[in-house]
Structures are given as structure tokens and as C-alpha cells.
Amino acid sequence: MQVRAFDTRGRLVPALATAIVAVLATAALILLEFTPRHDVRAAGPGMITSAAADRAGATVLPTDPITTGSVRAR
């Protein structure tokens, strides 16, 4: 009676594919997050928000600095 070993060929292919995708996605995220864009104008984020709100037809109101970030229990 002969005993055959388990066929282990191809068992690591899904793990290797997942690792490659994870490494590439992480590298792309780091590259896009920490490199400056070349077409960004020297305006603050408020100007971009205001322009986007104007295009959408919305009105942007200033936030009250007294109540910003504070939670009060009553």
C-alpha cells in the first residue's frame, strides 16, 4: 500500500496575490498622501470649500467659535 503526500502546489498563490495587492495599495497610498500635487493653487481649504458650495448652490455660514468642539451635558 502506497501513501501519497498531499498536493501542496498552488496553495500559496492566493496568499501571495493578496500580499502583492496589499503592498502595492500601501505604496500608492503613501505616494499619493505625502507627495504634493502640482496643480494645487496656493489657496486655503476654505476657498476650495466655498467654491464647491457655490457650484452646488449652497450657502456656507461661519461656525460659532464658542460652541465649536464643546459638548455640554444638560
Protein backbone atom coordinates (compact mmCIF):
# COMPACT_ATOMS: atom_id res chain seq x y z
CA MET A 1 0.00 0.00 0.00
CA GLN A 2 1.41 3.37 -1.04
CA VAL A 3 0.70 6.62 0.76
CA ARG A 4 0.82 9.78 -1.29
CA ALA A 5 1.70 13.14 0.15
CA PHE A 6 -0.75 15.99 -0.09
CA ASP A 7 -0.52 18.05 -3.25
CA THR A 8 0.73 21.40 -1.96
CA ARG A 9 1.27 23.07 -5.32
CA GLY A 10 -0.65 26.31 -5.68
CA ARG A 11 -1.68 26.65 -2.05
CA LEU A 12 0.29 29.87 -1.57
CA VAL A 13 -0.91 31.60 -4.73
CA PRO A 14 -3.91 33.37 -3.08
CA ALA A 15 -1.76 34.48 -0.14
CA LEU A 16 0.96 35.81 -2.43
CA ALA A 17 -1.57 37.64 -4.61
CA THR A 18 -3.14 39.22 -1.52
CA ALA A 19 0.25 40.29 -0.19
CA ILE A 20 1.23 41.85 -3.52
CA VAL A 21 -2.04 43.79 -3.73
CA ALA A 22 -1.64 44.98 -0.14
CA VAL A 23 1.93 46.16 -0.71
CA LEU A 24 1.02 47.99 -3.93
CA ALA A 25 -2.03 49.63 -2.35
CA THR A 26 0.00 50.77 0.66
CA ALA A 27 2.75 52.16 -1.57
CA ALA A 28 0.19 54.03 -3.69
CA LEU A 29 -1.48 55.45 -0.59
CA ILE A 30 1.82 56.68 0.84
CA LEU A 31 2.90 58.09 -2.51
CA LEU A 32 -0.36 59.97 -3.07
CA GLU A 33 -0.70 61.11 0.54
CA PHE A 34 2.76 62.57 1.06
CA THR A 35 3.65 63.99 -2.35
CA PRO A 36 2.32 67.45 -3.18
CA ARG A 37 0.11 67.90 -6.17
CA HIS A 38 1.46 70.05 -8.97
CA ASP A 39 -1.83 71.72 -9.92
CA VAL A 40 -2.92 72.91 -6.47
CA ARG A 41 -3.19 76.65 -6.17
CA ALA A 42 -1.92 78.44 -3.08
CA ALA A 43 -5.41 78.86 -1.61
CA GLY A 44 -6.58 77.61 1.73
CA PRO A 45 -9.05 74.78 2.14
CA GLY A 46 -11.77 77.31 2.90
CA MET A 47 -11.55 78.67 -0.62
CA ILE A 48 -11.98 75.20 -2.10
CA THR A 49 -14.96 74.53 0.18
CA SER A 50 -16.52 77.85 -0.73
CA ALA A 51 -16.07 77.24 -4.46
CA ALA A 52 -17.58 73.75 -4.18
CA ALA A 53 -20.51 75.08 -2.18
CA ASP A 54 -21.10 77.86 -4.73
CA ARG A 55 -21.15 75.36 -7.57
CA ALA A 56 -23.68 73.25 -5.68
CA GLY A 57 -25.84 76.29 -4.94
CA ALA A 58 -25.34 76.06 -1.16
CA THR A 59 -24.53 78.76 1.37
CA VAL A 60 -21.60 78.39 3.76
CA LEU A 61 -22.07 80.00 7.15
CA PRO A 62 -19.24 80.60 9.63
CA THR A 63 -19.07 78.37 12.70
CA ASP A 64 -19.56 79.89 16.14
CA PRO A 65 -16.15 79.60 17.85
CA ILE A 66 -17.72 79.41 21.33
CA THR A 67 -19.65 76.20 20.64
CA THR A 68 -17.18 74.54 18.29
CA GLY A 69 -15.77 71.36 19.75
CA SER A 70 -17.56 71.60 23.07
CA VAL A 71 -20.16 69.15 24.25
CA ARG A 72 -22.23 70.19 27.21
CA ALA A 73 -24.33 67.84 29.29
CA ARG A 74 -27.60 69.34 30.45
